N, C-alpha and C. Protein backbone atom coordinates (compact mmCIF):
# COMPACT_ATOMS: atom_id res chain seq x y z
N MET A 1 25.97 -30.84 9.47
CA MET A 1 24.86 -30.29 8.82
C MET A 1 24.32 -31.28 7.74
N ASN A 2 23.17 -31.56 7.73
CA ASN A 2 22.48 -32.42 6.84
C ASN A 2 22.11 -31.71 5.48
N ARG A 3 22.94 -31.85 4.44
CA ARG A 3 22.64 -31.12 3.27
C ARG A 3 21.42 -31.50 2.55
N SER A 4 21.03 -32.69 2.74
CA SER A 4 19.79 -33.14 2.06
C SER A 4 18.61 -32.37 2.86
N HIS A 5 18.58 -32.18 4.12
CA HIS A 5 17.69 -31.53 4.89
C HIS A 5 17.53 -30.03 4.48
N THR A 6 18.73 -29.43 4.32
CA THR A 6 18.75 -28.08 3.94
C THR A 6 18.23 -27.78 2.48
N SER A 7 18.49 -28.81 1.60
CA SER A 7 18.01 -28.79 0.28
C SER A 7 16.43 -28.89 0.26
N ILE A 8 15.95 -29.67 1.13
CA ILE A 8 14.48 -29.78 1.27
C ILE A 8 13.84 -28.47 1.84
N GLN A 9 14.65 -27.85 2.81
CA GLN A 9 14.23 -26.52 3.34
C GLN A 9 14.10 -25.36 2.26
N ARG A 10 15.27 -25.54 1.48
CA ARG A 10 15.28 -24.46 0.37
C ARG A 10 14.04 -24.73 -0.73
N SER A 11 13.78 -25.99 -0.90
CA SER A 11 12.71 -26.25 -1.92
C SER A 11 11.41 -25.74 -1.31
N ARG A 12 11.26 -25.98 0.03
CA ARG A 12 9.91 -25.54 0.61
C ARG A 12 9.85 -23.96 0.56
N LEU A 13 10.98 -23.31 0.61
CA LEU A 13 10.91 -21.80 0.75
C LEU A 13 10.55 -21.36 -0.79
N VAL A 14 11.14 -22.09 -1.69
CA VAL A 14 10.74 -21.70 -3.12
C VAL A 14 9.24 -21.94 -3.42
N GLU A 15 8.76 -23.13 -2.93
CA GLU A 15 7.52 -23.50 -3.19
C GLU A 15 6.54 -22.42 -2.52
N GLN A 16 6.94 -21.95 -1.44
CA GLN A 16 6.15 -20.90 -0.74
C GLN A 16 6.02 -19.63 -1.61
N LEU A 17 7.30 -19.20 -2.10
CA LEU A 17 7.31 -18.01 -2.89
C LEU A 17 6.40 -18.20 -4.22
N VAL A 18 6.44 -19.26 -4.76
CA VAL A 18 5.54 -19.59 -5.96
C VAL A 18 4.17 -19.51 -5.48
N TYR A 19 3.67 -20.29 -4.53
CA TYR A 19 2.38 -20.20 -3.97
C TYR A 19 1.95 -18.90 -3.76
N LEU A 20 2.66 -18.02 -2.99
CA LEU A 20 2.22 -16.63 -2.71
C LEU A 20 2.08 -15.82 -3.97
N ASP A 21 3.05 -16.00 -4.91
CA ASP A 21 2.91 -15.32 -6.18
C ASP A 21 1.85 -15.60 -7.03
N GLU A 22 1.39 -16.83 -7.02
CA GLU A 22 0.26 -17.39 -7.78
C GLU A 22 -1.17 -17.10 -7.02
N GLN A 23 -1.18 -17.34 -5.76
CA GLN A 23 -2.44 -17.37 -5.01
C GLN A 23 -2.77 -16.08 -4.18
N LEU A 24 -1.86 -15.23 -4.04
CA LEU A 24 -2.08 -13.95 -3.24
C LEU A 24 -3.27 -13.17 -3.81
N PRO A 25 -3.45 -12.95 -5.10
CA PRO A 25 -4.63 -12.19 -5.55
C PRO A 25 -5.96 -12.88 -5.12
N VAL A 26 -5.95 -14.16 -5.22
CA VAL A 26 -7.17 -14.85 -4.83
C VAL A 26 -7.55 -14.75 -3.32
N LEU A 27 -6.32 -14.92 -2.70
CA LEU A 27 -6.57 -14.96 -1.15
C LEU A 27 -6.98 -13.67 -0.73
N LEU A 28 -6.59 -12.50 -1.36
CA LEU A 28 -6.94 -11.21 -0.93
C LEU A 28 -8.32 -10.72 -1.33
N GLU A 29 -8.90 -11.48 -2.25
CA GLU A 29 -10.25 -10.98 -2.84
C GLU A 29 -11.35 -10.71 -1.72
N SER A 30 -11.36 -11.49 -0.68
CA SER A 30 -12.32 -11.39 0.38
C SER A 30 -12.20 -10.33 1.37
N TYR A 31 -10.98 -9.62 1.32
CA TYR A 31 -10.69 -8.63 2.37
C TYR A 31 -11.18 -7.20 1.77
N ALA A 32 -11.64 -6.52 2.84
CA ALA A 32 -11.93 -5.08 2.54
C ALA A 32 -10.60 -4.43 2.24
N SER A 33 -10.74 -3.21 1.72
CA SER A 33 -9.51 -2.61 1.17
C SER A 33 -8.45 -2.36 2.36
N GLN A 34 -8.71 -1.87 3.53
CA GLN A 34 -7.77 -1.63 4.55
C GLN A 34 -7.07 -2.91 5.07
N GLN A 35 -7.88 -3.88 5.13
CA GLN A 35 -7.44 -5.29 5.52
C GLN A 35 -6.60 -5.85 4.35
N LYS A 36 -7.01 -5.56 3.15
CA LYS A 36 -6.17 -6.01 2.06
C LYS A 36 -4.78 -5.45 2.02
N ILE A 37 -4.75 -4.12 2.26
CA ILE A 37 -3.44 -3.46 2.26
C ILE A 37 -2.59 -4.02 3.25
N ARG A 38 -3.19 -4.20 4.55
CA ARG A 38 -2.35 -4.76 5.76
C ARG A 38 -1.78 -6.11 5.40
N MET A 39 -2.73 -7.04 4.86
CA MET A 39 -2.25 -8.35 4.47
C MET A 39 -1.26 -8.38 3.43
N ARG A 40 -1.52 -7.55 2.31
CA ARG A 40 -0.45 -7.58 1.28
C ARG A 40 0.82 -7.07 1.77
N THR A 41 0.88 -6.07 2.78
CA THR A 41 2.16 -5.54 3.33
C THR A 41 2.82 -6.68 4.05
N LYS A 42 2.00 -7.48 4.91
CA LYS A 42 2.60 -8.50 5.77
C LYS A 42 3.16 -9.60 4.81
N VAL A 43 2.53 -9.95 3.73
CA VAL A 43 3.04 -11.04 2.84
C VAL A 43 4.17 -10.43 2.07
N ASP A 44 4.23 -9.16 1.62
CA ASP A 44 5.36 -8.62 1.02
C ASP A 44 6.67 -8.75 1.89
N ASP A 45 6.47 -8.50 3.20
CA ASP A 45 7.53 -8.57 4.12
C ASP A 45 7.97 -10.02 4.29
N TYR A 46 7.16 -10.89 4.32
CA TYR A 46 7.45 -12.28 4.46
C TYR A 46 8.19 -12.82 3.27
N VAL A 47 7.84 -12.40 1.96
CA VAL A 47 8.48 -12.75 0.84
C VAL A 47 9.90 -12.16 0.82
N LYS A 48 10.01 -10.92 1.23
CA LYS A 48 11.42 -10.29 1.27
C LYS A 48 12.24 -11.11 2.17
N SER A 49 11.77 -11.59 3.32
CA SER A 49 12.49 -12.26 4.28
C SER A 49 12.87 -13.65 3.67
N MET A 50 11.92 -14.34 2.92
CA MET A 50 12.25 -15.59 2.30
C MET A 50 13.34 -15.45 1.38
N VAL A 51 13.24 -14.50 0.58
CA VAL A 51 14.30 -14.32 -0.51
C VAL A 51 15.63 -14.03 0.13
N LYS A 52 15.82 -13.29 1.30
CA LYS A 52 17.11 -13.14 1.96
C LYS A 52 17.49 -14.47 2.61
N LEU A 53 16.60 -15.28 3.04
CA LEU A 53 17.07 -16.50 3.63
C LEU A 53 17.59 -17.51 2.53
N LEU A 54 16.92 -17.50 1.42
CA LEU A 54 17.50 -18.20 0.26
C LEU A 54 18.92 -17.86 -0.21
N GLU A 55 19.29 -16.64 0.13
CA GLU A 55 20.65 -16.16 -0.16
C GLU A 55 21.69 -16.60 0.86
N LEU A 56 21.22 -17.16 2.04
CA LEU A 56 22.24 -17.77 2.87
C LEU A 56 22.84 -19.03 2.54
N ASP A 57 23.99 -19.22 3.04
CA ASP A 57 24.71 -20.57 2.99
C ASP A 57 23.84 -21.63 3.65
N ASP A 58 24.05 -22.87 3.65
CA ASP A 58 23.27 -23.89 4.12
C ASP A 58 23.25 -23.89 5.68
N ASP A 59 24.39 -23.60 6.29
CA ASP A 59 24.61 -23.60 7.82
C ASP A 59 23.70 -22.40 8.31
N HIS A 60 23.81 -21.17 7.80
CA HIS A 60 23.09 -20.12 8.30
C HIS A 60 21.61 -20.17 7.97
N LEU A 61 21.18 -20.85 6.88
CA LEU A 61 19.81 -21.08 6.60
C LEU A 61 19.22 -21.94 7.61
N ALA A 62 19.85 -23.12 7.94
CA ALA A 62 19.33 -23.89 9.04
C ALA A 62 19.15 -23.24 10.34
N ILE A 63 20.04 -22.43 10.71
CA ILE A 63 20.09 -21.75 11.92
C ILE A 63 18.82 -20.70 11.89
N SER A 64 18.83 -19.91 10.83
CA SER A 64 17.72 -19.00 10.67
C SER A 64 16.45 -19.55 10.70
N LEU A 65 16.21 -20.70 10.04
CA LEU A 65 14.91 -21.30 10.05
C LEU A 65 14.39 -21.74 11.34
N SER A 66 15.42 -22.12 12.20
CA SER A 66 15.06 -22.67 13.47
C SER A 66 14.67 -21.53 14.50
N GLU A 67 14.89 -20.26 13.98
CA GLU A 67 14.76 -19.15 14.93
C GLU A 67 13.50 -18.39 14.56
N ILE A 68 12.93 -18.42 13.34
CA ILE A 68 11.76 -17.62 12.99
C ILE A 68 10.60 -18.52 12.57
N THR A 69 9.48 -17.90 12.69
CA THR A 69 8.15 -18.59 12.33
C THR A 69 7.88 -18.24 10.86
N MET A 70 7.64 -19.37 10.17
CA MET A 70 7.29 -19.27 8.71
C MET A 70 6.10 -20.08 8.44
N ILE A 71 5.47 -20.04 7.26
CA ILE A 71 4.47 -20.97 6.95
C ILE A 71 5.02 -22.38 6.99
N GLY A 72 4.32 -23.24 7.70
CA GLY A 72 4.94 -24.65 7.94
C GLY A 72 5.53 -24.77 9.30
N SER A 73 5.79 -23.75 10.00
CA SER A 73 6.33 -23.80 11.35
C SER A 73 5.39 -24.21 12.38
N SER A 74 5.73 -24.92 13.34
CA SER A 74 4.97 -25.03 14.56
C SER A 74 5.62 -24.11 15.57
N VAL A 75 4.72 -23.45 16.39
CA VAL A 75 5.21 -22.47 17.34
C VAL A 75 4.64 -22.78 18.71
N ARG A 76 5.58 -22.87 19.65
CA ARG A 76 5.20 -23.06 21.03
C ARG A 76 5.15 -21.65 21.70
N LEU A 77 3.93 -21.30 22.18
CA LEU A 77 3.77 -20.02 22.82
C LEU A 77 3.55 -20.26 24.37
N ARG A 78 4.09 -19.51 25.15
CA ARG A 78 4.01 -19.33 26.52
C ARG A 78 3.28 -18.11 26.84
N PHE A 79 2.07 -18.20 27.56
CA PHE A 79 1.33 -17.01 27.91
C PHE A 79 1.92 -16.40 29.17
N VAL A 80 2.39 -15.32 29.06
CA VAL A 80 3.10 -14.64 30.16
C VAL A 80 2.32 -14.57 31.49
N GLU A 81 1.07 -14.31 31.40
CA GLU A 81 0.30 -14.09 32.66
C GLU A 81 0.16 -15.30 33.47
N ASP A 82 -0.06 -16.52 32.89
CA ASP A 82 -0.19 -17.75 33.70
C ASP A 82 0.77 -18.79 33.41
N GLY A 83 1.58 -18.69 32.51
CA GLY A 83 2.70 -19.59 32.16
C GLY A 83 2.22 -20.78 31.38
N THR A 84 0.96 -20.81 30.97
CA THR A 84 0.52 -21.96 30.12
C THR A 84 1.18 -21.85 28.83
N GLN A 85 1.22 -23.02 28.25
CA GLN A 85 1.73 -23.09 26.81
C GLN A 85 0.82 -23.77 25.77
N GLU A 86 0.93 -23.24 24.57
CA GLU A 86 0.05 -23.88 23.55
C GLU A 86 0.96 -23.85 22.22
N VAL A 87 0.77 -24.83 21.35
CA VAL A 87 1.38 -25.04 20.07
C VAL A 87 0.50 -24.73 18.99
N PHE A 88 0.84 -24.03 18.11
CA PHE A 88 0.12 -23.74 16.80
C PHE A 88 1.07 -24.04 15.63
N LYS A 89 0.38 -24.41 14.65
CA LYS A 89 1.10 -24.72 13.32
C LYS A 89 0.53 -23.73 12.29
N VAL A 90 1.40 -22.96 11.74
CA VAL A 90 0.95 -22.00 10.73
C VAL A 90 1.02 -22.58 9.32
N VAL A 91 -0.20 -22.73 8.79
CA VAL A 91 -0.37 -23.59 7.50
C VAL A 91 -1.01 -22.60 6.39
N TYR A 92 -1.04 -23.13 5.27
CA TYR A 92 -1.87 -22.41 4.15
C TYR A 92 -3.33 -22.53 4.32
N PRO A 93 -4.09 -21.69 3.84
CA PRO A 93 -5.49 -21.54 4.12
C PRO A 93 -6.31 -22.91 4.04
N LYS A 94 -5.89 -23.68 3.03
CA LYS A 94 -6.65 -25.04 2.64
C LYS A 94 -6.37 -26.02 3.76
N GLU A 95 -5.23 -25.80 4.58
CA GLU A 95 -4.74 -26.86 5.51
C GLU A 95 -5.22 -26.57 6.86
N ILE A 96 -6.04 -25.59 7.20
CA ILE A 96 -6.44 -25.21 8.53
C ILE A 96 -7.18 -26.43 9.17
N ASP A 97 -6.98 -26.55 10.38
CA ASP A 97 -7.65 -27.54 11.27
C ASP A 97 -7.67 -27.00 12.68
N PRO A 98 -8.64 -26.29 13.07
CA PRO A 98 -8.69 -25.77 14.36
C PRO A 98 -8.58 -26.78 15.46
N ASP A 99 -9.13 -27.98 15.33
CA ASP A 99 -9.01 -29.07 16.30
C ASP A 99 -7.63 -29.41 16.63
N HIS A 100 -6.70 -29.22 15.69
CA HIS A 100 -5.36 -29.59 15.99
C HIS A 100 -4.48 -28.23 15.93
N ASN A 101 -5.06 -27.26 16.27
CA ASN A 101 -4.30 -25.86 16.23
C ASN A 101 -3.51 -25.56 14.89
N LYS A 102 -4.08 -26.02 13.72
CA LYS A 102 -3.47 -25.61 12.56
C LYS A 102 -4.16 -24.36 12.08
N ILE A 103 -3.48 -23.20 11.95
CA ILE A 103 -4.03 -21.91 11.72
C ILE A 103 -3.41 -21.41 10.43
N SER A 104 -4.20 -20.68 9.65
CA SER A 104 -3.84 -20.04 8.48
C SER A 104 -2.85 -18.92 8.69
N PHE A 105 -1.86 -18.73 7.79
CA PHE A 105 -1.04 -17.57 8.02
C PHE A 105 -1.83 -16.31 7.66
N PHE A 106 -3.06 -16.43 7.21
CA PHE A 106 -3.81 -15.22 6.91
C PHE A 106 -4.74 -14.90 8.14
N SER A 107 -4.77 -15.81 9.20
CA SER A 107 -5.72 -15.65 10.17
C SER A 107 -5.15 -14.66 11.11
N PRO A 108 -5.94 -14.09 12.07
CA PRO A 108 -5.41 -13.05 12.96
C PRO A 108 -4.38 -13.55 13.71
N ILE A 109 -4.35 -14.69 14.32
CA ILE A 109 -3.20 -15.11 15.10
C ILE A 109 -2.03 -15.57 14.15
N GLY A 110 -2.28 -16.33 13.03
CA GLY A 110 -1.13 -16.75 12.19
C GLY A 110 -0.41 -15.66 11.60
N SER A 111 -1.09 -14.63 11.16
CA SER A 111 -0.48 -13.49 10.67
C SER A 111 0.45 -12.63 11.49
N GLN A 112 0.08 -12.83 12.91
CA GLN A 112 1.02 -12.19 13.88
C GLN A 112 2.19 -13.04 14.37
N LEU A 113 2.07 -14.30 14.03
CA LEU A 113 3.15 -15.19 14.37
C LEU A 113 4.26 -15.26 13.27
N LEU A 114 3.87 -14.97 12.04
CA LEU A 114 4.81 -14.80 10.94
C LEU A 114 5.96 -14.00 11.22
N LEU A 115 7.18 -14.61 10.99
CA LEU A 115 8.48 -13.91 11.09
C LEU A 115 8.93 -13.46 12.53
N ARG A 116 8.10 -14.03 13.54
CA ARG A 116 8.52 -13.76 14.86
C ARG A 116 9.70 -14.67 15.24
N SER A 117 10.56 -14.33 16.16
CA SER A 117 11.68 -15.02 16.62
C SER A 117 11.50 -15.73 17.88
N ARG A 118 12.24 -16.84 18.05
CA ARG A 118 12.26 -17.65 19.23
C ARG A 118 12.62 -16.74 20.42
N GLY A 119 12.04 -16.71 21.52
CA GLY A 119 12.36 -15.94 22.68
C GLY A 119 11.55 -14.70 22.64
N GLU A 120 11.10 -14.10 21.52
CA GLU A 120 10.38 -12.86 21.39
C GLU A 120 9.10 -12.83 22.27
N VAL A 121 8.96 -11.72 23.04
CA VAL A 121 7.73 -11.58 23.71
C VAL A 121 6.86 -10.31 23.13
N PHE A 122 5.66 -10.61 22.79
CA PHE A 122 4.81 -9.64 22.16
C PHE A 122 3.43 -9.75 22.70
N ASN A 123 2.66 -8.77 22.26
CA ASN A 123 1.16 -8.80 22.61
C ASN A 123 0.36 -9.40 21.45
N LEU A 124 -0.21 -10.57 21.74
CA LEU A 124 -0.91 -11.28 20.76
C LEU A 124 -2.39 -10.90 20.72
N GLN A 125 -2.85 -10.24 19.69
CA GLN A 125 -4.28 -9.78 19.66
C GLN A 125 -5.16 -10.73 19.02
N THR A 126 -6.25 -11.26 19.64
CA THR A 126 -7.23 -12.15 19.21
C THR A 126 -8.48 -11.31 19.03
N PRO A 127 -9.45 -11.85 18.26
CA PRO A 127 -10.55 -11.21 18.22
C PRO A 127 -11.34 -10.97 19.70
N ASP A 128 -11.03 -11.66 20.62
CA ASP A 128 -11.67 -11.69 21.89
C ASP A 128 -10.81 -10.85 22.95
N ALA A 129 -9.48 -10.92 22.91
CA ALA A 129 -8.61 -10.43 23.93
C ALA A 129 -7.15 -10.23 23.30
N GLU A 130 -6.35 -9.63 24.21
CA GLU A 130 -4.97 -9.45 24.05
C GLU A 130 -4.20 -10.10 25.06
N TYR A 131 -3.09 -10.84 24.66
CA TYR A 131 -2.27 -11.70 25.68
C TYR A 131 -0.85 -11.34 25.27
N SER A 132 -0.11 -11.24 26.39
CA SER A 132 1.28 -11.20 26.36
C SER A 132 1.82 -12.54 26.23
N VAL A 133 2.53 -12.91 25.17
CA VAL A 133 3.08 -14.28 24.89
C VAL A 133 4.57 -14.27 24.49
N GLN A 134 5.14 -15.31 24.70
CA GLN A 134 6.59 -15.47 24.34
C GLN A 134 6.72 -16.66 23.49
N ILE A 135 7.43 -16.50 22.41
CA ILE A 135 7.75 -17.78 21.51
C ILE A 135 8.79 -18.53 22.31
N VAL A 136 8.42 -19.63 22.71
CA VAL A 136 9.31 -20.54 23.37
C VAL A 136 10.19 -21.50 22.38
N GLU A 137 9.56 -21.88 21.32
CA GLU A 137 10.16 -22.77 20.35
C GLU A 137 9.48 -22.64 18.95
N ASN A 138 10.39 -22.71 17.97
CA ASN A 138 9.93 -22.93 16.54
C ASN A 138 10.37 -24.18 16.00
N PHE A 139 9.57 -24.85 15.50
CA PHE A 139 10.00 -26.16 14.84
C PHE A 139 9.37 -26.44 13.59
N ASN A 140 10.26 -26.82 12.53
CA ASN A 140 9.64 -26.95 11.25
C ASN A 140 9.47 -28.45 10.90
């Protein structure tokens, strides 16, 4: 296990927690009350998961981070119906780049990807349709 890499991963998790603590009120300003409650709950769940990850030893942290989708993760999705695959990177709102499939963790797709596990099959709802997808790979 590369201790330096694990230390960097821990630092990123702490940075995410600080970012969310400082920026969440601003990020939620533009949402209607019901959406705001849903997004707040999603972020609260994410924060709880990140705190639990930080409690793990280095080996278990590295394994866990390779299994779940978090902010900064790239995710390879397989569309069950036709087998096509697409990669998305879940990023902070300021880093979005639709041309390169960089999507905000606050976006409809990004928020559904957070905390999903490799191998998981679920219905991904987009503004236009619903797709059965499987997470083939998470990479950070």
